[in-house]
């Protein structure tokens, strides 16, 4: 779906080479699609934003690196995340649209795959869970 030039540009945002990015992207998308199919919420194509397909892998990595959906939302940092995607200036609702797409495609995946891992690690190490992560876990839906 994406051209090789896309992987080159997006890889720079993560500081890795384009072949590694493409491999990680493909693995992530397979895992994400399987996750949605298992939840009964399959998707057949990528979301479209600003005249281009939205790279869900880059969106997920940027949001989780910055602390996750809840933190980005509470700190009103969706506009910062949107800057990474080089959306045209005519896409005036970019921050809102990114947040909506993240909620639709990635938020539940994040709760299980990002925060779930962090909580398991904290418990195994006998550590405390960060207050934001604890608040997030209170809003988890039953499996």
Protein backbone atom coordinates (compact mmCIF):
# COMPACT_ATOMS: atom_id res chain seq x y z
CA UNK A 1 0.00 0.00 0.00
CA UNK A 2 2.84 2.37 0.85
CA UNK A 3 5.67 3.15 -1.56
CA UNK A 4 9.29 2.51 -0.50
CA UNK A 5 9.79 6.28 -0.24
CA UNK A 6 7.14 6.34 2.50
CA UNK A 7 9.13 3.89 4.61
CA UNK A 8 12.28 5.96 4.10
CA UNK A 9 10.57 9.14 5.33
CA UNK A 10 8.80 7.52 8.28
CA UNK A 11 11.89 5.56 9.38
CA UNK A 12 13.68 8.86 9.98
CA UNK A 13 11.09 9.77 12.64
CA UNK A 14 12.06 6.65 14.59
CA UNK A 15 15.78 6.81 13.87
CA UNK A 16 15.96 3.47 12.05
CA UNK A 17 16.67 2.38 8.47
CA UNK A 18 13.83 1.95 5.98
CA UNK A 19 14.16 -1.85 5.67
CA UNK A 20 13.85 -2.26 9.45
CA UNK A 21 10.91 0.13 9.45
CA UNK A 22 9.14 -1.79 6.70
CA UNK A 23 9.69 -5.10 8.52
CA UNK A 24 8.42 -3.66 11.82
CA UNK A 25 5.47 -2.03 10.03
CA UNK A 26 4.40 -5.29 8.38
CA UNK A 27 4.70 -7.25 11.64
CA UNK A 28 2.77 -4.59 13.54
CA UNK A 29 -0.02 -4.42 10.97
CA UNK A 30 -0.43 -8.21 10.95
CA UNK A 31 -0.67 -8.20 14.75
CA UNK A 32 -3.11 -5.26 14.73
CA UNK A 33 -5.36 -6.87 12.11
CA UNK A 34 -5.40 -10.16 14.04
CA UNK A 35 -6.23 -8.26 17.22
CA UNK A 36 -9.20 -6.53 15.59
CA UNK A 37 -10.45 -9.71 13.99
CA UNK A 38 -10.33 -11.49 17.37
CA UNK A 39 -12.37 -8.64 18.89
CA UNK A 40 -14.92 -8.72 16.06
CA UNK A 41 -13.89 -5.29 14.76
CA UNK A 42 -11.95 -6.09 11.58
CA UNK A 43 -10.81 -3.37 9.24
CA UNK A 44 -10.11 -3.84 5.56
CA UNK A 45 -8.17 -0.70 4.69
CA UNK A 46 -6.14 2.01 6.33
CA UNK A 47 -7.75 5.27 7.39
CA UNK A 48 -7.35 8.23 5.07
CA UNK A 49 -6.27 11.64 6.35
CA UNK A 50 -5.16 14.74 4.50
CA UNK A 51 -5.22 13.03 1.12
CA UNK A 52 -3.01 10.13 2.22
CA UNK A 53 -3.21 6.83 4.03
CA UNK A 54 -2.46 7.09 7.72
CA UNK A 55 0.53 5.07 8.91
CA UNK A 56 -0.95 3.40 11.99
CA UNK A 57 2.41 1.95 13.04
CA UNK A 58 4.09 5.35 13.19
CA UNK A 59 1.06 6.81 14.96
CA UNK A 60 1.14 4.02 17.56
CA UNK A 61 4.88 4.35 18.12
CA UNK A 62 4.75 8.14 18.48
CA UNK A 63 1.81 8.05 20.91
CA UNK A 64 3.12 5.22 23.08
CA UNK A 65 6.62 6.72 23.17
CA UNK A 66 5.07 9.94 24.47
CA UNK A 67 3.15 8.10 27.20
CA UNK A 68 0.03 6.74 25.53
CA UNK A 69 -3.41 7.89 24.46
CA UNK A 70 -4.51 9.11 27.88
CA UNK A 71 -1.40 11.20 28.49
CA UNK A 72 -1.42 12.73 25.00
CA UNK A 73 -5.11 13.56 25.39
CA UNK A 74 -4.78 15.02 28.89
CA UNK A 75 -1.82 17.16 27.82
CA UNK A 76 -3.55 18.18 24.57
CA UNK A 77 -0.57 17.07 22.47
CA UNK A 78 -2.39 15.65 19.44
CA UNK A 79 -1.28 18.63 17.36
CA UNK A 80 2.35 17.74 18.12
CA UNK A 81 1.73 14.17 16.99
CA UNK A 82 0.03 15.44 13.81
CA UNK A 83 3.14 17.39 12.78
CA UNK A 84 5.00 14.13 12.16
CA UNK A 85 2.66 13.20 9.32
CA UNK A 86 3.29 16.25 7.11
CA UNK A 87 -0.39 16.82 6.54
CA UNK A 88 -1.37 19.68 4.24
CA UNK A 89 -2.33 23.00 5.84
CA UNK A 90 -5.84 22.51 4.45
CA UNK A 91 -6.27 19.62 6.90
CA UNK A 92 -7.36 21.94 9.70
CA UNK A 93 -8.82 19.19 11.88
CA UNK A 94 -5.68 17.01 11.81
CA UNK A 95 -5.25 16.76 15.58
CA UNK A 96 -8.90 15.85 16.12
CA UNK A 97 -8.91 13.37 13.23
CA UNK A 98 -5.73 11.67 14.47
CA UNK A 99 -7.24 11.30 17.92
CA UNK A 100 -10.39 9.76 16.40
CA UNK A 101 -8.41 7.35 14.23
CA UNK A 102 -6.24 6.37 17.20
CA UNK A 103 -9.35 5.73 19.29
CA UNK A 104 -10.90 3.60 16.55
CA UNK A 105 -7.88 1.53 15.51
CA UNK A 106 -5.27 1.64 18.28
CA UNK A 107 -6.57 2.59 21.72
CA UNK A 108 -7.76 -0.87 22.82
CA UNK A 109 -4.65 -2.43 21.25
CA UNK A 110 -2.52 -0.02 23.31
CA UNK A 111 -4.28 -0.91 26.56
CA UNK A 112 -3.47 -4.59 26.13
CA UNK A 113 -0.16 -4.53 24.28
CA UNK A 114 1.51 -1.44 25.72
CA UNK A 115 0.09 -0.87 29.18
CA UNK A 116 -0.62 -4.55 29.77
CA UNK A 117 3.07 -5.31 29.26
CA UNK A 118 4.10 -2.42 31.50
CA UNK A 119 1.80 -3.54 34.32
CA UNK A 120 3.05 -7.14 34.09
CA UNK A 121 6.66 -5.91 34.22
CA UNK A 122 5.95 -3.68 37.22
CA UNK A 123 4.29 -6.54 39.08
CA UNK A 124 7.14 -8.94 38.27
CA UNK A 125 9.72 -6.41 39.46
CA UNK A 126 7.69 -5.50 42.53
CA UNK A 127 7.43 -1.92 41.35
CA UNK A 128 4.63 0.56 41.55
CA UNK A 129 2.45 1.42 38.59
CA UNK A 130 2.54 5.02 37.39
CA UNK A 131 -0.69 6.89 38.33
CA UNK A 132 -1.58 7.46 34.66
CA UNK A 133 -1.23 3.75 33.93
CA UNK A 134 -3.33 2.92 36.98
CA UNK A 135 -6.04 5.33 35.82
CA UNK A 136 -5.85 3.81 32.37
CA UNK A 137 -6.27 0.27 33.71
CA UNK A 138 -9.44 1.31 35.54
CA UNK A 139 -11.01 2.00 32.16
CA UNK A 140 -10.11 -1.34 30.62
CA UNK A 141 -12.91 -3.29 29.09
CA UNK A 142 -13.42 -6.95 29.97
CA UNK A 143 -11.58 -9.34 27.68
